[in-house]
Amino acid sequence: MTEALPLWAEILTAVFAVVGAAFAAIGSFGLVRVPTFFRRIHAPTLGATLGVWCMTLATIVYFSVQGRNLFLHAVLIALFVALTAPVTTIFLMRAALFRERQKKGDVPPE
């Protein structure tokens, strides 16, 4: 049976988890509310990245206090998200820009 976490660790874990979920929700709402694709793409990318970092901090606090040693395995997940989310966003933006230019849409010149 595992011991209960100290109150400060429970509060800190809860704060990081709630803030991370809020960032992810705000990013999702930005995806729905913004009218054009070129403006819409930024909110979920930022929301996902900030949300993952906050969830990572919550995971590190929880498992470090529970196991009584520093738990940094979750940092790998955050690093992968921090590296892949912007790259994916760039590819999506370039593909959308290419398609809009083919349709003679309202985009900046090459």
N, C-alpha and C. Protein backbone atom coordinates (compact mmCIF):
# COMPACT_ATOMS: atom_id res chain seq x y z
N MET A 1 0.84 -1.18 0.00
CA MET A 1 0.00 0.00 0.00
C MET A 1 0.88 1.24 0.00
N THR A 2 0.55 2.22 -0.80
CA THR A 2 1.36 3.44 -0.90
C THR A 2 0.91 4.46 0.13
N GLU A 3 1.86 5.25 0.56
CA GLU A 3 1.56 6.31 1.52
C GLU A 3 0.89 7.47 0.80
N ALA A 4 0.16 8.25 1.58
CA ALA A 4 -0.46 9.46 1.03
C ALA A 4 0.63 10.50 0.80
N LEU A 5 0.45 11.31 -0.21
CA LEU A 5 1.39 12.39 -0.49
C LEU A 5 1.23 13.50 0.54
N PRO A 6 2.27 14.25 0.80
CA PRO A 6 2.11 15.44 1.65
C PRO A 6 1.17 16.43 0.97
N LEU A 7 0.54 17.26 1.78
CA LEU A 7 -0.45 18.20 1.26
C LEU A 7 0.14 19.14 0.23
N TRP A 8 1.37 19.62 0.44
CA TRP A 8 1.97 20.56 -0.51
C TRP A 8 2.17 19.90 -1.88
N ALA A 9 2.52 18.60 -1.88
CA ALA A 9 2.73 17.89 -3.14
C ALA A 9 1.40 17.66 -3.87
N GLU A 10 0.35 17.35 -3.11
CA GLU A 10 -0.96 17.17 -3.73
C GLU A 10 -1.45 18.48 -4.34
N ILE A 11 -1.27 19.59 -3.62
CA ILE A 11 -1.70 20.89 -4.13
C ILE A 11 -0.91 21.27 -5.38
N LEU A 12 0.41 21.11 -5.32
CA LEU A 12 1.25 21.47 -6.46
C LEU A 12 0.93 20.60 -7.69
N THR A 13 0.72 19.31 -7.46
CA THR A 13 0.36 18.42 -8.56
C THR A 13 -0.98 18.81 -9.16
N ALA A 14 -1.94 19.11 -8.30
CA ALA A 14 -3.27 19.50 -8.77
C ALA A 14 -3.22 20.82 -9.55
N VAL A 15 -2.44 21.77 -9.07
CA VAL A 15 -2.34 23.07 -9.76
C VAL A 15 -1.73 22.88 -11.15
N PHE A 16 -0.64 22.13 -11.23
CA PHE A 16 -0.01 21.90 -12.54
C PHE A 16 -0.96 21.14 -13.48
N ALA A 17 -1.68 20.15 -12.96
CA ALA A 17 -2.59 19.38 -13.81
C ALA A 17 -3.75 20.25 -14.31
N VAL A 18 -4.30 21.08 -13.44
CA VAL A 18 -5.43 21.93 -13.84
C VAL A 18 -4.97 23.00 -14.82
N VAL A 19 -3.81 23.60 -14.56
CA VAL A 19 -3.29 24.62 -15.49
C VAL A 19 -2.98 24.00 -16.85
N GLY A 20 -2.41 22.80 -16.85
CA GLY A 20 -2.14 22.11 -18.11
C GLY A 20 -3.41 21.80 -18.87
N ALA A 21 -4.43 21.34 -18.17
CA ALA A 21 -5.71 21.07 -18.83
C ALA A 21 -6.33 22.36 -19.35
N ALA A 22 -6.18 23.46 -18.61
CA ALA A 22 -6.72 24.74 -19.06
C ALA A 22 -6.03 25.21 -20.34
N PHE A 23 -4.71 25.09 -20.39
CA PHE A 23 -4.00 25.46 -21.61
C PHE A 23 -4.46 24.63 -22.81
N ALA A 24 -4.62 23.33 -22.60
CA ALA A 24 -5.08 22.47 -23.68
C ALA A 24 -6.50 22.84 -24.12
N ALA A 25 -7.37 23.16 -23.16
CA ALA A 25 -8.74 23.54 -23.49
C ALA A 25 -8.78 24.87 -24.24
N ILE A 26 -7.97 25.83 -23.80
CA ILE A 26 -7.92 27.13 -24.48
C ILE A 26 -7.43 26.95 -25.92
N GLY A 27 -6.43 26.10 -26.10
CA GLY A 27 -5.95 25.82 -27.46
C GLY A 27 -7.03 25.19 -28.31
N SER A 28 -7.81 24.30 -27.72
CA SER A 28 -8.89 23.66 -28.47
C SER A 28 -9.98 24.66 -28.83
N PHE A 29 -10.33 25.54 -27.90
CA PHE A 29 -11.33 26.57 -28.21
C PHE A 29 -10.83 27.51 -29.29
N GLY A 30 -9.53 27.81 -29.27
CA GLY A 30 -8.95 28.65 -30.31
C GLY A 30 -9.04 27.99 -31.68
N LEU A 31 -8.94 26.67 -31.71
CA LEU A 31 -9.06 25.93 -32.96
C LEU A 31 -10.46 26.08 -33.55
N VAL A 32 -11.45 26.12 -32.68
CA VAL A 32 -12.83 26.20 -33.14
C VAL A 32 -13.25 27.62 -33.46
N ARG A 33 -12.79 28.59 -32.68
CA ARG A 33 -13.30 29.94 -32.77
C ARG A 33 -12.66 30.81 -33.86
N VAL A 34 -11.42 30.59 -34.19
CA VAL A 34 -10.73 31.45 -35.14
C VAL A 34 -11.16 31.09 -36.56
N PRO A 35 -11.42 32.08 -37.42
CA PRO A 35 -12.06 31.80 -38.71
C PRO A 35 -11.19 31.16 -39.80
N THR A 36 -9.94 31.55 -39.94
CA THR A 36 -9.15 31.03 -41.06
C THR A 36 -8.10 30.03 -40.58
N PHE A 37 -7.71 29.15 -41.48
CA PHE A 37 -6.73 28.12 -41.11
C PHE A 37 -5.41 28.74 -40.68
N PHE A 38 -4.98 29.77 -41.37
CA PHE A 38 -3.66 30.35 -41.09
C PHE A 38 -3.61 31.00 -39.71
N ARG A 39 -4.72 31.49 -39.23
CA ARG A 39 -4.78 32.02 -37.86
C ARG A 39 -5.08 30.92 -36.86
N ARG A 40 -5.83 29.93 -37.29
CA ARG A 40 -6.31 28.87 -36.41
C ARG A 40 -5.21 27.93 -35.93
N ILE A 41 -4.16 27.77 -36.68
CA ILE A 41 -3.16 26.76 -36.39
C ILE A 41 -2.32 27.07 -35.14
N HIS A 42 -2.23 28.32 -34.76
CA HIS A 42 -1.34 28.69 -33.65
C HIS A 42 -1.88 28.30 -32.28
N ALA A 43 -3.15 28.47 -32.05
CA ALA A 43 -3.73 28.22 -30.72
C ALA A 43 -3.55 26.77 -30.25
N PRO A 44 -3.87 25.77 -31.05
CA PRO A 44 -3.68 24.41 -30.56
C PRO A 44 -2.22 24.03 -30.37
N THR A 45 -1.34 24.59 -31.20
CA THR A 45 0.07 24.26 -31.05
C THR A 45 0.61 24.80 -29.72
N LEU A 46 0.31 26.05 -29.44
CA LEU A 46 0.76 26.64 -28.18
C LEU A 46 0.07 25.98 -26.99
N GLY A 47 -1.22 25.73 -27.12
CA GLY A 47 -1.96 25.09 -26.04
C GLY A 47 -1.45 23.71 -25.72
N ALA A 48 -1.17 22.94 -26.76
CA ALA A 48 -0.66 21.59 -26.55
C ALA A 48 0.72 21.61 -25.90
N THR A 49 1.57 22.48 -26.37
CA THR A 49 2.93 22.54 -25.83
C THR A 49 2.92 22.97 -24.36
N LEU A 50 2.22 24.05 -24.05
CA LEU A 50 2.16 24.51 -22.66
C LEU A 50 1.43 23.51 -21.77
N GLY A 51 0.38 22.90 -22.30
CA GLY A 51 -0.35 21.89 -21.53
C GLY A 51 0.51 20.69 -21.20
N VAL A 52 1.28 20.23 -22.17
CA VAL A 52 2.15 19.08 -21.93
C VAL A 52 3.24 19.41 -20.92
N TRP A 53 3.80 20.60 -20.99
CA TRP A 53 4.83 20.98 -20.02
C TRP A 53 4.26 21.04 -18.60
N CYS A 54 3.06 21.56 -18.45
CA CYS A 54 2.44 21.61 -17.11
C CYS A 54 2.12 20.20 -16.61
N MET A 55 1.60 19.35 -17.49
CA MET A 55 1.32 17.97 -17.08
C MET A 55 2.62 17.23 -16.73
N THR A 56 3.68 17.55 -17.45
CA THR A 56 4.98 16.94 -17.14
C THR A 56 5.45 17.36 -15.76
N LEU A 57 5.31 18.63 -15.44
CA LEU A 57 5.69 19.09 -14.10
C LEU A 57 4.85 18.42 -13.02
N ALA A 58 3.56 18.26 -13.28
CA ALA A 58 2.70 17.57 -12.31
C ALA A 58 3.16 16.12 -12.12
N THR A 59 3.51 15.46 -13.21
CA THR A 59 3.98 14.08 -13.14
C THR A 59 5.30 13.99 -12.38
N ILE A 60 6.20 14.91 -12.65
CA ILE A 60 7.50 14.91 -11.96
C ILE A 60 7.32 15.11 -10.46
N VAL A 61 6.49 16.07 -10.08
CA VAL A 61 6.26 16.32 -8.64
C VAL A 61 5.64 15.09 -7.99
N TYR A 62 4.60 14.55 -8.60
CA TYR A 62 3.88 13.42 -8.01
C TYR A 62 4.80 12.21 -7.81
N PHE A 63 5.45 11.78 -8.87
CA PHE A 63 6.24 10.56 -8.78
C PHE A 63 7.56 10.76 -8.03
N SER A 64 8.08 11.99 -8.03
CA SER A 64 9.30 12.24 -7.25
C SER A 64 9.01 12.18 -5.76
N VAL A 65 7.89 12.75 -5.35
CA VAL A 65 7.54 12.73 -3.92
C VAL A 65 7.11 11.32 -3.52
N GLN A 66 6.35 10.64 -4.35
CA GLN A 66 5.88 9.30 -4.02
C GLN A 66 7.04 8.30 -3.94
N GLY A 67 7.98 8.40 -4.87
CA GLY A 67 9.09 7.45 -4.90
C GLY A 67 10.30 7.89 -4.12
N ARG A 68 10.28 9.10 -3.60
CA ARG A 68 11.38 9.67 -2.81
C ARG A 68 12.69 9.77 -3.59
N ASN A 69 12.61 9.90 -4.89
CA ASN A 69 13.78 10.21 -5.71
C ASN A 69 13.30 10.99 -6.94
N LEU A 70 14.21 11.69 -7.58
CA LEU A 70 13.85 12.57 -8.68
C LEU A 70 13.42 11.74 -9.90
N PHE A 71 12.23 12.00 -10.40
CA PHE A 71 11.64 11.26 -11.52
C PHE A 71 11.63 12.17 -12.74
N LEU A 72 12.55 11.93 -13.66
CA LEU A 72 12.67 12.78 -14.84
C LEU A 72 12.30 12.08 -16.14
N HIS A 73 11.75 10.88 -16.06
CA HIS A 73 11.38 10.16 -17.28
C HIS A 73 10.33 10.90 -18.09
N ALA A 74 9.46 11.62 -17.40
CA ALA A 74 8.39 12.32 -18.10
C ALA A 74 8.91 13.47 -18.95
N VAL A 75 10.10 13.94 -18.67
CA VAL A 75 10.68 15.03 -19.46
C VAL A 75 10.89 14.60 -20.91
N LEU A 76 11.16 13.32 -21.14
CA LEU A 76 11.32 12.82 -22.51
C LEU A 76 10.05 13.03 -23.33
N ILE A 77 8.90 12.79 -22.73
CA ILE A 77 7.63 12.99 -23.44
C ILE A 77 7.48 14.46 -23.80
N ALA A 78 7.75 15.33 -22.85
CA ALA A 78 7.62 16.77 -23.11
C ALA A 78 8.61 17.23 -24.18
N LEU A 79 9.80 16.70 -24.17
CA LEU A 79 10.78 17.07 -25.19
C LEU A 79 10.33 16.62 -26.58
N PHE A 80 9.78 15.42 -26.67
CA PHE A 80 9.30 14.94 -27.97
C PHE A 80 8.15 15.81 -28.47
N VAL A 81 7.24 16.19 -27.59
CA VAL A 81 6.13 17.06 -28.00
C VAL A 81 6.66 18.43 -28.38
N ALA A 82 7.60 18.95 -27.59
CA ALA A 82 8.16 20.28 -27.89
C ALA A 82 8.91 20.28 -29.23
N LEU A 83 9.46 19.16 -29.62
CA LEU A 83 10.16 19.08 -30.91
C LEU A 83 9.23 18.80 -32.07
N THR A 84 8.23 17.95 -31.86
CA THR A 84 7.40 17.54 -32.98
C THR A 84 6.23 18.49 -33.27
N ALA A 85 5.69 19.14 -32.27
CA ALA A 85 4.53 20.03 -32.50
C ALA A 85 4.88 21.20 -33.43
N PRO A 86 5.97 21.93 -33.21
CA PRO A 86 6.29 23.01 -34.15
C PRO A 86 6.63 22.51 -35.55
N VAL A 87 7.31 21.39 -35.66
CA VAL A 87 7.66 20.86 -36.97
C VAL A 87 6.40 20.46 -37.73
N THR A 88 5.48 19.80 -37.05
CA THR A 88 4.21 19.43 -37.67
C THR A 88 3.43 20.66 -38.10
N THR A 89 3.44 21.69 -37.26
CA THR A 89 2.74 22.93 -37.59
C THR A 89 3.34 23.57 -38.84
N ILE A 90 4.64 23.57 -38.94
CA ILE A 90 5.30 24.15 -40.12
C ILE A 90 4.90 23.39 -41.38
N PHE A 91 4.90 22.06 -41.30
CA PHE A 91 4.50 21.26 -42.47
C PHE A 91 3.05 21.52 -42.86
N LEU A 92 2.16 21.61 -41.88
CA LEU A 92 0.76 21.90 -42.17
C LEU A 92 0.59 23.28 -42.80
N MET A 93 1.31 24.26 -42.28
CA MET A 93 1.22 25.61 -42.82
C MET A 93 1.75 25.67 -44.25
N ARG A 94 2.85 25.00 -44.51
CA ARG A 94 3.42 25.01 -45.86
C ARG A 94 2.49 24.32 -46.86
N ALA A 95 1.87 23.21 -46.44
CA ALA A 95 0.94 22.52 -47.32
C ALA A 95 -0.29 23.39 -47.61
N ALA A 96 -0.81 24.05 -46.59
CA ALA A 96 -1.97 24.92 -46.79
C ALA A 96 -1.61 26.11 -47.67
N LEU A 97 -0.44 26.67 -47.48
CA LEU A 97 0.01 27.79 -48.30
C LEU A 97 0.17 27.36 -49.76
N PHE A 98 0.73 26.19 -49.98
CA PHE A 98 0.88 25.65 -51.33
C PHE A 98 -0.48 25.48 -52.01
N ARG A 99 -1.45 24.93 -51.28
CA ARG A 99 -2.78 24.72 -51.87
C ARG A 99 -3.48 26.04 -52.16
N GLU A 100 -3.32 27.01 -51.28
CA GLU A 100 -3.95 28.32 -51.50
C GLU A 100 -3.33 29.02 -52.71
N ARG A 101 -2.02 28.88 -52.88
CA ARG A 101 -1.37 29.49 -54.04
C ARG A 101 -1.82 28.82 -55.33
N GLN A 102 -2.05 27.51 -55.30
CA GLN A 102 -2.54 26.82 -56.49
C GLN A 102 -3.95 27.28 -56.85
N LYS A 103 -4.76 27.59 -55.84
CA LYS A 103 -6.13 28.05 -56.09
C LYS A 103 -6.19 29.56 -56.33
N LYS A 104 -5.02 30.21 -56.35
CA LYS A 104 -4.94 31.66 -56.50
C LYS A 104 -5.67 32.38 -55.35
N GLY A 105 -5.49 31.84 -54.15
CA GLY A 105 -6.12 32.42 -52.98
C GLY A 105 -5.39 33.67 -52.51
N ASP A 106 -5.91 34.25 -51.47
CA ASP A 106 -5.35 35.49 -50.91
C ASP A 106 -4.21 35.16 -49.94
N VAL A 107 -3.02 34.98 -50.47
CA VAL A 107 -1.84 34.69 -49.66
C VAL A 107 -0.68 35.58 -50.13
N PRO A 108 0.34 35.74 -49.29
CA PRO A 108 1.49 36.54 -49.72
C PRO A 108 2.18 35.90 -50.91
N PRO A 109 2.85 36.71 -51.75
CA PRO A 109 3.56 36.14 -52.90
C PRO A 109 4.75 35.30 -52.46
N GLU A 110 5.22 34.46 -53.37
CA GLU A 110 6.36 33.58 -53.07
C GLU A 110 7.61 34.36 -52.81
